[in-house]
Protein backbone atom coordinates (compact mmCIF):
# COMPACT_ATOMS: atom_id res chain seq x y z
CA LEU A 1 41.31 110.10 34.14
CA HIS A 2 42.98 113.52 33.82
CA TRP A 3 46.46 115.06 33.61
CA THR A 4 45.97 116.31 37.17
CA GLN A 5 45.73 112.72 38.40
CA ASN A 6 49.05 111.86 36.73
CA ASN A 7 50.74 114.74 38.53
CA LEU A 8 49.37 113.51 41.84
CA THR A 9 49.46 109.71 41.59
CA ASN A 10 51.71 108.54 38.72
CA PRO A 11 54.95 107.44 40.47
CA GLY A 12 57.06 107.48 37.30
CA LEU A 13 56.03 110.99 36.36
CA ARG A 14 56.42 112.26 39.92
CA HIS A 15 59.90 110.75 40.16
CA ALA A 16 60.92 112.41 36.89
CA ILE A 17 59.63 115.77 38.10
CA ARG A 18 61.54 115.45 41.38
CA ASP A 19 64.68 114.62 39.41
CA PHE A 20 64.23 117.84 37.47
CA TRP A 21 63.91 120.03 40.56
CA LYS A 22 66.83 118.25 42.27
CA ASN A 23 68.92 118.65 39.08
CA GLU A 24 69.82 114.98 39.14
CA GLU A 25 72.55 113.52 36.94
CA ILE A 26 71.63 111.27 34.01
CA ASN A 27 73.77 109.17 31.67
CA THR A 28 73.63 110.18 28.01
CA GLU A 29 75.60 109.37 24.84
CA LYS A 30 77.46 112.64 25.45
CA GLY A 31 78.30 111.70 29.02
CA ILE A 32 76.87 112.75 32.39
CA ARG A 33 74.36 115.58 32.22
CA LYS A 34 72.22 117.29 34.85
CA VAL A 35 68.54 117.55 33.96
CA GLN A 36 67.79 121.14 34.99
CA ASP A 37 71.17 122.43 33.78
CA GLU A 38 70.31 121.08 30.33
CA PHE A 39 66.96 122.87 30.43
CA HIS A 40 68.64 126.19 31.24
CA TRP A 41 71.34 125.59 28.59
CA GLN A 42 68.66 125.09 25.95
CA LEU A 43 66.73 128.11 27.24
CA GLY A 44 69.81 130.29 26.68
CA LYS A 45 70.13 129.01 23.11
CA VAL A 46 66.48 129.80 22.35
CA LEU A 47 66.62 133.31 23.85
CA SER A 48 69.85 134.08 22.02
CA TYR A 49 68.43 132.85 18.71
CA LEU A 50 65.29 134.97 19.05
CA LYS A 51 67.25 138.07 20.00
CA GLU A 52 69.59 137.67 17.03
CA ASN A 53 66.96 136.76 14.42
CA LEU A 54 64.08 139.10 15.22
CA SER A 55 64.13 142.71 14.13
CA PRO A 56 64.17 145.33 16.93
CA ILE A 57 60.50 146.05 16.25
CA GLU A 58 59.56 142.35 16.34
CA PHE A 59 61.57 141.84 19.52
CA SER A 60 59.81 144.80 21.15
CA TYR A 61 56.50 142.91 20.90
CA ILE A 62 57.76 140.26 23.33
CA LEU A 63 56.68 141.12 26.88
CA GLY A 64 58.90 138.56 28.57
CA LEU A 65 59.29 134.90 29.41
CA ASP A 66 57.31 132.30 31.32
CA PRO A 67 59.94 129.55 31.65
CA MET A 68 57.55 126.82 32.82
CA ASN A 69 53.83 126.43 32.35
CA GLU A 70 51.88 125.20 35.41
CA PRO A 71 54.80 123.82 37.45
CA VAL A 72 54.18 120.88 39.77
CA ASP A 73 56.40 119.58 42.57
CA GLY A 74 56.35 115.81 42.13
CA GLY A 75 56.43 115.50 45.92
CA PHE A 76 57.60 117.97 48.56
CA MET A 77 60.23 115.60 49.96
CA GLY A 78 59.20 116.37 53.54
CA LEU A 79 59.13 120.16 53.05
CA SER A 80 56.25 122.61 53.29
CA PRO A 81 55.16 124.31 50.03
CA TYR A 82 56.92 127.48 51.22
CA GLU A 83 60.17 125.65 52.02
CA TRP A 84 60.02 123.67 48.78
CA SER A 85 59.58 126.85 46.75
CA LYS A 86 62.47 128.50 48.58
CA ASN A 87 64.86 125.60 48.05
CA TYR A 88 63.85 124.33 44.60
CA HIS A 89 61.37 126.53 42.76
CA TRP A 90 62.68 130.06 43.26
CA PRO A 91 66.31 129.12 42.39
CA PHE A 92 64.97 127.82 39.06
CA TYR A 93 63.51 131.27 38.31
CA VAL A 94 66.67 133.06 39.46
CA LYS A 95 68.71 131.04 36.96
CA ALA A 96 66.16 131.72 34.21
CA LYS A 97 66.35 135.49 34.86
CA GLN A 98 70.15 135.38 34.79
CA ILE A 99 69.99 133.66 31.41
CA MET A 100 67.54 136.29 30.16
CA ASP A 101 69.90 139.07 31.25
CA LYS A 102 72.91 137.42 29.57
CA ASN A 103 71.10 137.08 26.25
CA GLY A 104 69.72 140.57 25.75
CA TRP A 105 66.43 140.03 27.54
CA GLU A 106 67.32 142.13 30.61
CA ASP A 107 64.45 144.57 30.00
CA LYS A 108 61.88 141.80 29.56
CA ILE A 109 59.59 140.50 32.31
CA LEU A 110 60.05 137.13 33.95
CA PHE A 111 56.56 135.75 34.57
CA PHE A 112 57.00 133.44 37.56
CA GLU A 113 54.27 130.87 38.06
CA PRO A 114 53.58 129.38 41.47
CA LEU A 115 52.72 125.71 41.84
CA VAL A 116 49.68 125.02 39.71
CA PHE A 117 47.57 123.91 42.70
CA TRP A 118 48.48 126.86 44.96
CA ASN A 119 45.03 128.45 44.60
CA THR A 120 42.76 125.64 43.42
CA ASN A 121 39.27 125.75 44.91
CA ILE A 122 39.38 122.02 45.69
CA SER A 123 40.68 122.04 49.24
CA PHE A 124 42.38 118.64 49.30
CA LEU A 125 44.49 119.55 46.23
CA LYS A 126 45.46 123.03 47.36
CA THR A 127 49.17 123.48 48.09
CA GLY A 128 49.22 127.07 49.34
CA ARG A 129 51.69 129.88 48.78
CA GLY A 130 55.38 129.65 48.10
CA TYR A 131 58.53 131.76 48.42
CA TYR A 132 59.04 134.47 45.78
CA PRO A 133 61.23 137.36 47.06
CA VAL A 134 60.64 140.02 44.38
CA LYS A 135 59.63 143.10 46.41
CA GLU A 136 62.67 145.16 45.42
CA LYS A 137 63.25 143.61 41.98
CA ASP A 138 62.29 144.97 38.56
CA ASN A 139 60.87 142.99 35.63
CA PHE A 140 59.13 140.25 37.57
CA SER A 141 55.41 139.45 37.38
CA PHE A 142 53.32 137.03 39.43
CA ASN A 143 51.80 134.85 36.72
CA THR A 144 48.95 132.58 37.69
CA HIS A 145 45.99 130.68 36.27
CA PHE A 146 42.53 130.12 37.64
CA TYR A 147 39.91 127.57 36.68
CA ASP A 148 36.83 126.56 38.61
CA ALA A 149 38.10 123.08 39.43
CA LYS A 150 35.07 122.30 41.59
CA ARG A 151 32.71 122.97 38.70
CA MET A 152 34.99 121.19 36.24
CA GLY A 153 34.97 118.12 38.49
CA GLY A 154 31.22 118.18 39.06
CA LEU A 155 31.66 119.14 42.73
CA SER A 156 29.95 122.55 42.56
CA PHE A 157 26.68 123.66 41.02
CA LYS A 158 26.27 127.12 42.54
CA LYS A 159 24.54 129.74 40.45
CA LEU A 160 27.01 132.02 38.67
CA ASN A 161 26.90 135.75 39.37
CA THR A 162 29.13 138.80 39.80
CA SER A 163 30.44 137.67 43.17
CA THR A 164 31.02 133.97 42.40
CA TYR A 165 34.77 134.34 41.88
CA MET A 166 35.53 137.47 43.92
CA LYS A 167 37.21 135.48 46.70
CA ASN A 168 39.37 133.55 44.24
CA PHE A 169 40.63 136.63 42.41
CA ASP A 170 41.08 138.53 45.67
CA GLU A 171 43.45 135.72 46.64
CA ILE A 172 45.47 136.41 43.49
CA ARG A 173 45.41 140.17 44.15
CA ASN A 174 46.51 139.70 47.75
CA GLU A 175 49.38 137.45 46.71
CA SER A 176 50.48 140.06 44.19
CA PHE A 177 50.30 142.82 46.83
CA GLU A 178 52.36 140.66 49.19
CA HIS A 179 55.12 140.41 46.59
CA ASN A 180 54.69 144.05 45.51
CA THR A 181 54.73 142.93 41.90
CA PRO A 182 52.13 143.05 39.10
CA SER A 183 49.89 140.03 38.72
CA PHE A 184 49.17 138.47 35.35
CA VAL A 185 46.31 135.98 34.98
CA SER A 186 47.42 134.21 31.83
CA GLU A 187 44.78 131.46 31.82
CA PHE A 188 41.25 131.48 33.13
CA GLY A 189 37.72 130.49 32.20
CA TRP A 190 36.41 127.19 31.07
CA PRO A 191 37.76 124.92 28.32
CA ILE A 192 34.63 123.00 27.29
CA ILE A 193 31.42 124.32 25.81
CA GLY A 194 28.48 123.44 28.03
CA LYS A 195 25.06 124.57 29.20
CA GLY A 196 23.45 125.24 32.54
CA LYS A 197 25.96 124.99 35.39
CA LYS A 198 28.83 124.57 32.89
CA ASP A 199 27.94 127.46 30.59
CA SER A 200 31.29 128.69 29.23
CA HIS A 201 30.03 132.20 28.52
CA ALA A 202 28.60 132.65 32.02
CA ILE A 203 31.76 131.31 33.71
CA ILE A 204 34.09 133.55 31.70
CA LYS A 205 31.81 136.56 32.24
CA SER A 206 31.75 135.96 36.01
CA MET A 207 35.53 135.62 36.14
CA LYS A 208 36.07 138.80 34.12
CA GLU A 209 33.75 140.68 36.48
CA ALA A 210 35.71 139.38 39.49
CA MET A 211 38.97 140.55 37.91
CA MET A 212 37.63 144.01 37.03
CA LEU A 213 35.97 144.60 40.38
């Protein structure tokens, strides 16, 4: 029914995602390769190419790197979200930052995204916070998204006003304060034009007010 359902219930997809986080070996025509190592190898090639082929002015327009959009776990393998992030997720970002530093991106920001469901407002999907030790580190930013999943799924029909999303964006602010790092809300709002309880303009306006307040 939705990409979210695939992430939660599709066994093939979930297995593939777990293989990525575990950096499993795969057989290729070039021999044995490790999935996540190949990702980081390609990342280095891309960063190096951009650094070498953009002018200094063009390169200065790049704020930084978000190495993975809306990461999912594929299954916690018996760990809590915090333990999983500590053992699998944060090491992925550490490697990405090392690759940035090696390829001339040392002054750019690494935008680290938590698990996509960490702050969803549907309780049975919510994973909770992870492990991101960046208090004494420069050039890291807590990068998160927020959508009104309850309203998107037809589970909420509350009237929209200035305070509708205050609690949700306070959760993002508090997480950012905990890490002592700037927060960056890189996606928010509502993706489908609608009226009444799904009025895109009203939803986006309410979310902007919650962020500003």
